[in-house]
PDB file of N, CA and C in Angstrom:
ATOM      1  N   VAL A   1      70.825 -80.513  40.308  1.00  0.00           N
ATOM      2  CA  VAL A   1      71.962 -80.738  41.188  1.00  0.00           C
ATOM      3  C   VAL A   1      72.203 -82.238  41.176  1.00  0.00           C
ATOM      4  N   GLY A   2      73.172 -82.647  40.418  1.00  0.00           N
ATOM      5  CA  GLY A   2      73.383 -84.069  40.235  1.00  0.00           C
ATOM      6  C   GLY A   2      74.439 -84.692  41.125  1.00  0.00           C
ATOM      7  N   ARG A   3      75.385 -83.910  41.592  1.00  0.00           N
ATOM      8  CA  ARG A   3      76.499 -84.482  42.353  1.00  0.00           C
ATOM      9  C   ARG A   3      76.645 -83.783  43.699  1.00  0.00           C
ATOM     10  N   SER A   4      77.047 -84.552  44.680  1.00  0.00           N
ATOM     11  CA  SER A   4      77.224 -83.987  46.019  1.00  0.00           C
ATOM     12  C   SER A   4      78.347 -82.956  46.050  1.00  0.00           C
ATOM     13  N   GLU A   5      79.310 -83.087  45.147  1.00  0.00           N
ATOM     14  CA  GLU A   5      80.422 -82.139  45.094  1.00  0.00           C
ATOM     15  C   GLU A   5      79.938 -80.725  44.788  1.00  0.00           C
ATOM     16  N   HIS A   6      78.841 -80.619  44.057  1.00  0.00           N
ATOM     17  CA  HIS A   6      78.294 -79.298  43.752  1.00  0.00           C
ATOM     18  C   HIS A   6      77.880 -78.588  45.034  1.00  0.00           C
ATOM     19  N   LEU A   7      77.346 -79.330  45.979  1.00  0.00           N
ATOM     20  CA  LEU A   7      76.880 -78.732  47.228  1.00  0.00           C
ATOM     21  C   LEU A   7      78.020 -78.447  48.195  1.00  0.00           C
ATOM     22  N   ASP A   8      79.174 -79.058  47.971  1.00  0.00           N
ATOM     23  CA  ASP A   8      80.344 -78.760  48.809  1.00  0.00           C
ATOM     24  C   ASP A   8      80.709 -77.278  48.729  1.00  0.00           C
ATOM     25  N   LEU A   9      80.454 -76.663  47.578  1.00  0.00           N
ATOM     26  CA  LEU A   9      80.767 -75.241  47.392  1.00  0.00           C
ATOM     27  C   LEU A   9      80.007 -74.366  48.380  1.00  0.00           C
ATOM     28  N   PHE A  10      78.809 -74.781  48.738  1.00  0.00           N
ATOM     29  CA  PHE A  10      78.002 -74.007  49.682  1.00  0.00           C
ATOM     30  C   PHE A  10      78.493 -74.213  51.109  1.00  0.00           C
ATOM     31  N   GLU A  11      78.899 -75.435  51.431  1.00  0.00           N
ATOM     32  CA  GLU A  11      79.434 -75.702  52.770  1.00  0.00           C
ATOM     33  C   GLU A  11      80.756 -74.980  52.996  1.00  0.00           C
ATOM     34  N   GLN A  12      81.536 -74.812  51.931  1.00  0.00           N
ATOM     35  CA  GLN A  12      82.832 -74.143  52.038  1.00  0.00           C
ATOM     36  C   GLN A  12      82.703 -72.623  51.961  1.00  0.00           C
ATOM     37  N   GLY A  13      81.501 -72.119  51.726  1.00  0.00           N
ATOM     38  CA  GLY A  13      81.284 -70.680  51.659  1.00  0.00           C
ATOM     39  C   GLY A  13      81.668 -70.054  50.331  1.00  0.00           C
ATOM     40  N   ILE A  14      81.951 -70.871  49.326  1.00  0.00           N
ATOM     41  CA  ILE A  14      82.336 -70.362  48.008  1.00  0.00           C
ATOM     42  C   ILE A  14      81.108 -69.840  47.264  1.00  0.00           C
ATOM     43  N   ALA A  15      79.985 -70.518  47.440  1.00  0.00           N
ATOM     44  CA  ALA A  15      78.733 -70.128  46.784  1.00  0.00           C
ATOM     45  C   ALA A  15      77.650 -69.943  47.832  1.00  0.00           C
ATOM     46  N   ARG A  16      76.636 -69.154  47.466  1.00  0.00           N
ATOM     47  CA  ARG A  16      75.548 -68.890  48.419  1.00  0.00           C
ATOM     48  C   ARG A  16      74.173 -69.155  47.817  1.00  0.00           C
ATOM     49  N   LYS A  17      73.987 -68.771  46.545  1.00  0.00           N
ATOM     50  CA  LYS A  17      72.668 -68.845  45.917  1.00  0.00           C
ATOM     51  C   LYS A  17      72.657 -69.909  44.826  1.00  0.00           C
ATOM     52  N   LEU A  18      71.572 -70.682  44.762  1.00  0.00           N
ATOM     53  CA  LEU A  18      71.471 -71.775  43.798  1.00  0.00           C
ATOM     54  C   LEU A  18      70.203 -71.631  42.967  1.00  0.00           C
ATOM     55  N   ASP A  19      70.370 -71.582  41.645  1.00  0.00           N
ATOM     56  CA  ASP A  19      69.253 -71.671  40.703  1.00  0.00           C
ATOM     57  C   ASP A  19      69.312 -73.077  40.118  1.00  0.00           C
ATOM     58  N   PHE A  20      68.213 -73.805  40.142  1.00  0.00           N
ATOM     59  CA  PHE A  20      68.259 -75.182  39.662  1.00  0.00           C
ATOM     60  C   PHE A  20      66.911 -75.621  39.116  1.00  0.00           C
ATOM     61  N   SER A  21      66.887 -76.821  38.518  1.00  0.00           N
ATOM     62  CA  SER A  21      65.634 -77.368  38.009  1.00  0.00           C
ATOM     63  C   SER A  21      65.314 -78.716  38.630  1.00  0.00           C
ATOM     64  N   PHE A  22      66.302 -79.399  39.173  1.00  0.00           N
ATOM     65  CA  PHE A  22      66.069 -80.737  39.714  1.00  0.00           C
ATOM     66  C   PHE A  22      67.104 -81.024  40.784  1.00  0.00           C
ATOM     67  N   ALA A  23      66.658 -81.482  41.946  1.00  0.00           N
ATOM     68  CA  ALA A  23      67.582 -81.776  43.035  1.00  0.00           C
ATOM     69  C   ALA A  23      67.895 -83.264  43.117  1.00  0.00           C
ATOM     70  N   GLY A  24      66.933 -84.105  42.786  1.00  0.00           N
ATOM     71  CA  GLY A  24      67.137 -85.543  42.780  1.00  0.00           C
ATOM     72  C   GLY A  24      67.658 -86.086  44.083  1.00  0.00           C
ATOM     73  N   THR A  25      68.761 -86.792  43.998  1.00  0.00           N
ATOM     74  CA  THR A  25      69.326 -87.449  45.174  1.00  0.00           C
ATOM     75  C   THR A  25      69.908 -86.468  46.176  1.00  0.00           C
ATOM     76  N   GLN A  26      70.052 -85.214  45.786  1.00  0.00           N
ATOM     77  CA  GLN A  26      70.642 -84.211  46.680  1.00  0.00           C
ATOM     78  C   GLN A  26      69.583 -83.426  47.458  1.00  0.00           C
ATOM     79  N   SER A  27      68.313 -83.786  47.319  1.00  0.00           N
ATOM     80  CA  SER A  27      67.245 -82.990  47.933  1.00  0.00           C
ATOM     81  C   SER A  27      67.347 -82.933  49.458  1.00  0.00           C
ATOM     82  N   LEU A  28      67.725 -84.024  50.106  1.00  0.00           N
ATOM     83  CA  LEU A  28      67.862 -84.017  51.567  1.00  0.00           C
ATOM     84  C   LEU A  28      68.981 -83.067  51.991  1.00  0.00           C
ATOM     85  N   ARG A  29      70.104 -83.158  51.305  1.00  0.00           N
ATOM     86  CA  ARG A  29      71.236 -82.295  51.655  1.00  0.00           C
ATOM     87  C   ARG A  29      70.914 -80.829  51.385  1.00  0.00           C
ATOM     88  N   ILE A  30      70.196 -80.555  50.313  1.00  0.00           N
ATOM     89  CA  ILE A  30      69.792 -79.178  50.025  1.00  0.00           C
ATOM     90  C   ILE A  30      68.914 -78.647  51.143  1.00  0.00           C
ATOM     91  N   SER A  31      67.981 -79.461  51.614  1.00  0.00           N
ATOM     92  CA  SER A  31      67.110 -79.001  52.701  1.00  0.00           C
ATOM     93  C   SER A  31      67.908 -78.740  53.975  1.00  0.00           C
ATOM     94  N   GLN A  32      68.938 -79.544  54.224  1.00  0.00           N
ATOM     95  CA  GLN A  32      69.789 -79.322  55.401  1.00  0.00           C
ATOM     96  C   GLN A  32      70.587 -78.027  55.264  1.00  0.00           C
ATOM     97  N   LEU A  33      71.109 -77.766  54.071  1.00  0.00           N
ATOM     98  CA  LEU A  33      71.854 -76.528  53.837  1.00  0.00           C
ATOM     99  C   LEU A  33      70.947 -75.307  53.969  1.00  0.00           C
ATOM    100  N   LEU A  34      69.704 -75.438  53.510  1.00  0.00           N
ATOM    101  CA  LEU A  34      68.737 -74.347  53.672  1.00  0.00           C
ATOM    102  C   LEU A  34      68.464 -74.085  55.148  1.00  0.00           C
ATOM    103  N   GLU A  35      68.256 -75.157  55.888  1.00  0.00           N
ATOM    104  CA  GLU A  35      67.970 -75.030  57.320  1.00  0.00           C
ATOM    105  C   GLU A  35      69.134 -74.400  58.076  1.00  0.00           C
ATOM    106  N   ASP A  36      70.360 -74.737  57.662  1.00  0.00           N
ATOM    107  CA  ASP A  36      71.554 -74.201  58.320  1.00  0.00           C
ATOM    108  C   ASP A  36      71.898 -72.784  57.858  1.00  0.00           C
ATOM    109  N   GLY A  37      71.175 -72.280  56.854  1.00  0.00           N
ATOM    110  CA  GLY A  37      71.431 -70.930  56.359  1.00  0.00           C
ATOM    111  C   GLY A  37      72.641 -70.828  55.444  1.00  0.00           C
ATOM    112  N   LEU A  38      73.105 -71.958  54.921  1.00  0.00           N
ATOM    113  CA  LEU A  38      74.274 -71.961  54.042  1.00  0.00           C
ATOM    114  C   LEU A  38      73.902 -71.853  52.565  1.00  0.00           C
ATOM    115  N   LEU A  39      72.629 -72.014  52.269  1.00  0.00           N
ATOM    116  CA  LEU A  39      72.167 -72.039  50.884  1.00  0.00           C
ATOM    117  C   LEU A  39      70.907 -71.196  50.755  1.00  0.00           C
ATOM    118  N   GLU A  40      70.859 -70.427  49.678  1.00  0.00           N
ATOM    119  CA  GLU A  40      69.675 -69.631  49.348  1.00  0.00           C
ATOM    120  C   GLU A  40      69.188 -70.088  47.983  1.00  0.00           C
ATOM    121  N   VAL A  41      67.919 -70.427  47.877  1.00  0.00           N
ATOM    122  CA  VAL A  41      67.361 -70.856  46.600  1.00  0.00           C
ATOM    123  C   VAL A  41      66.954 -69.630  45.811  1.00  0.00           C
ATOM    124  N   GLY A  42      67.466 -69.547  44.593  1.00  0.00           N
ATOM    125  CA  GLY A  42      67.092 -68.462  43.693  1.00  0.00           C
ATOM    126  C   GLY A  42      65.897 -68.894  42.870  1.00  0.00           C
ATOM    127  N   ALA A  43      66.110 -69.135  41.606  1.00  0.00           N
ATOM    128  CA  ALA A  43      65.033 -69.547  40.706  1.00  0.00           C
ATOM    129  C   ALA A  43      64.989 -71.061  40.597  1.00  0.00           C
ATOM    130  N   ILE A  44      63.795 -71.576  40.448  1.00  0.00           N
ATOM    131  CA  ILE A  44      63.614 -72.999  40.163  1.00  0.00           C
ATOM    132  C   ILE A  44      63.080 -73.069  38.738  1.00  0.00           C
ATOM    133  N   HIS A  45      63.907 -73.564  37.829  1.00  0.00           N
ATOM    134  CA  HIS A  45      63.592 -73.569  36.405  1.00  0.00           C
ATOM    135  C   HIS A  45      62.902 -74.865  35.999  1.00  0.00           C
ATOM    136  N   THR A  46      62.128 -74.788  34.924  1.00  0.00           N
ATOM    137  CA  THR A  46      61.547 -75.988  34.338  1.00  0.00           C
ATOM    138  C   THR A  46      62.520 -76.528  33.294  1.00  0.00           C
ATOM    139  N   TYR A  47      62.375 -77.806  32.958  1.00  0.00           N
ATOM    140  CA  TYR A  47      63.241 -78.390  31.934  1.00  0.00           C
ATOM    141  C   TYR A  47      63.024 -77.716  30.587  1.00  0.00           C
ATOM    142  N   ILE A  48      61.788 -77.364  30.275  1.00  0.00           N
ATOM    143  CA  ILE A  48      61.509 -76.709  28.993  1.00  0.00           C
ATOM    144  C   ILE A  48      62.283 -75.405  28.887  1.00  0.00           C
ATOM    145  N   GLU A  49      62.316 -74.652  29.962  1.00  0.00           N
ATOM    146  CA  GLU A  49      63.054 -73.388  29.963  1.00  0.00           C
ATOM    147  C   GLU A  49      64.548 -73.629  29.750  1.00  0.00           C
ATOM    148  N   LEU A  50      65.094 -74.645  30.408  1.00  0.00           N
ATOM    149  CA  LEU A  50      66.523 -74.927  30.258  1.00  0.00           C
ATOM    150  C   LEU A  50      66.859 -75.379  28.846  1.00  0.00           C
ATOM    151  N   TYR A  51      66.024 -76.246  28.256  1.00  0.00           N
ATOM    152  CA  TYR A  51      66.265 -76.687  26.888  1.00  0.00           C
ATOM    153  C   TYR A  51      66.122 -75.522  25.913  1.00  0.00           C
ATOM    154  N   ALA A  52      65.185 -74.616  26.167  1.00  0.00           N
ATOM    155  CA  ALA A  52      65.016 -73.440  25.307  1.00  0.00           C
ATOM    156  C   ALA A  52      66.273 -72.578  25.331  1.00  0.00           C
ATOM    157  N   ARG A  53      66.891 -72.458  26.483  1.00  0.00           N
ATOM    158  CA  ARG A  53      68.130 -71.673  26.571  1.00  0.00           C
ATOM    159  C   ARG A  53      69.235 -72.293  25.729  1.00  0.00           C
ATOM    160  N   LEU A  54      69.272 -73.620  25.651  1.00  0.00           N
ATOM    161  CA  LEU A  54      70.276 -74.279  24.816  1.00  0.00           C
ATOM    162  C   LEU A  54      70.075 -73.899  23.354  1.00  0.00           C
ATOM    163  N   VAL A  55      68.838 -73.883  22.893  1.00  0.00           N
ATOM    164  CA  VAL A  55      68.543 -73.561  21.500  1.00  0.00           C
ATOM    165  C   VAL A  55      68.852 -72.097  21.206  1.00  0.00           C
ATOM    166  N   VAL A  56      68.575 -71.209  22.133  1.00  0.00           N
ATOM    167  CA  VAL A  56      68.818 -69.779  21.927  1.00  0.00           C
ATOM    168  C   VAL A  56      70.297 -69.507  21.670  1.00  0.00           C
ATOM    169  N   ASP A  57      71.171 -70.277  22.291  1.00  0.00           N
ATOM    170  CA  ASP A  57      72.608 -70.051  22.152  1.00  0.00           C
ATOM    171  C   ASP A  57      73.214 -70.653  20.888  1.00  0.00           C
ATOM    172  N   LEU A  58      72.438 -71.416  20.127  1.00  0.00           N
ATOM    173  CA  LEU A  58      72.956 -72.047  18.918  1.00  0.00           C
ATOM    174  C   LEU A  58      73.005 -71.052  17.761  1.00  0.00           C
ATOM    175  N   ILE A  59      73.884 -71.343  16.793  1.00  0.00           N
ATOM    176  CA  ILE A  59      73.935 -70.501  15.598  1.00  0.00           C
ATOM    177  C   ILE A  59      72.673 -70.754  14.762  1.00  0.00           C
ATOM    178  N   PRO A  60      72.254 -69.787  13.949  1.00  0.00           N
ATOM    179  CA  PRO A  60      70.995 -69.918  13.194  1.00  0.00           C
ATOM    180  C   PRO A  60      70.896 -71.179  12.340  1.00  0.00           C
ATOM    181  N   ASN A  61      71.980 -71.608  11.706  1.00  0.00           N
ATOM    182  CA  ASN A  61      71.917 -72.796  10.852  1.00  0.00           C
ATOM    183  C   ASN A  61      71.505 -74.031  11.642  1.00  0.00           C
ATOM    184  N   VAL A  62      72.016 -74.170  12.846  1.00  0.00           N
ATOM    185  CA  VAL A  62      71.694 -75.333  13.670  1.00  0.00           C
ATOM    186  C   VAL A  62      70.242 -75.264  14.120  1.00  0.00           C
ATOM    187  N   VAL A  63      69.783 -74.083  14.494  1.00  0.00           N
ATOM    188  CA  VAL A  63      68.392 -73.919  14.928  1.00  0.00           C
ATOM    189  C   VAL A  63      67.439 -74.251  13.784  1.00  0.00           C
ATOM    190  N   LEU A  64      67.755 -73.793  12.577  1.00  0.00           N
ATOM    191  CA  LEU A  64      66.906 -74.088  11.426  1.00  0.00           C
ATOM    192  C   LEU A  64      66.886 -75.583  11.130  1.00  0.00           C
ATOM    193  N   ALA A  65      68.028 -76.241  11.225  1.00  0.00           N
ATOM    194  CA  ALA A  65      68.081 -77.688  11.000  1.00  0.00           C
ATOM    195  C   ALA A  65      67.275 -78.423  12.066  1.00  0.00           C
ATOM    196  N   ALA A  66      67.386 -78.001  13.304  1.00  0.00           N
ATOM    197  CA  ALA A  66      66.631 -78.639  14.385  1.00  0.00           C
ATOM    198  C   ALA A  66      65.133 -78.442  14.174  1.00  0.00           C
ATOM    199  N   GLY A  67      64.738 -77.257  13.757  1.00  0.00           N
ATOM    200  CA  GLY A  67      63.327 -76.997  13.489  1.00  0.00           C
ATOM    201  C   GLY A  67      62.810 -77.812  12.321  1.00  0.00           C
ATOM    202  N   PHE A  68      63.616 -77.964  11.286  1.00  0.00           N
ATOM    203  CA  PHE A  68      63.229 -78.738  10.114  1.00  0.00           C
ATOM    204  C   PHE A  68      63.059 -80.212  10.464  1.00  0.00           C
ATOM    205  N   MET A  69      63.924 -80.733  11.317  1.00  0.00           N
ATOM    206  CA  MET A  69      63.897 -82.150  11.675  1.00  0.00           C
ATOM    207  C   MET A  69      62.935 -82.465  12.827  1.00  0.00           C
ATOM    208  N   ALA A  70      62.331 -81.455  13.418  1.00  0.00           N
ATOM    209  CA  ALA A  70      61.457 -81.669  14.583  1.00  0.00           C
ATOM    210  C   ALA A  70      60.243 -82.510  14.213  1.00  0.00           C
ATOM    211  N   ASP A  71      59.744 -83.217  15.183  1.00  0.00           N
ATOM    212  CA  ASP A  71      58.558 -84.050  15.018  1.00  0.00           C
ATOM    213  C   ASP A  71      57.317 -83.178  15.213  1.00  0.00           C
ATOM    214  N   ARG A  72      56.474 -83.078  14.217  1.00  0.00           N
ATOM    215  CA  ARG A  72      55.280 -82.230  14.313  1.00  0.00           C
ATOM    216  C   ARG A  72      54.342 -82.670  15.434  1.00  0.00           C
ATOM    217  N   ALA A  73      54.329 -83.935  15.747  1.00  0.00           N
ATOM    218  CA  ALA A  73      53.428 -84.452  16.783  1.00  0.00           C
ATOM    219  C   ALA A  73      53.985 -84.230  18.187  1.00  0.00           C
ATOM    220  N   GLY A  74      55.213 -83.742  18.242  1.00  0.00           N
ATOM    221  CA  GLY A  74      55.803 -83.438  19.545  1.00  0.00           C
ATOM    222  C   GLY A  74      56.503 -84.593  20.128  1.00  0.00           C
TER     223      GLY A  74
END
């Protein structure tokens, strides 16, 4: 959750449930929305999981190129 505008959706009643991986500067506001019952936390994802989802959506040629160019040492 990088921008305060994202949380405006919960205050306006447009959204209710949030799946996220990082709250950062919005963590205080998220806790206030939770306390007020305006926000429900769904899943809390890891960065590895989110990056893996990006790779899954790529076409096979791009995935193969990324795998070929990957650093073996990590």
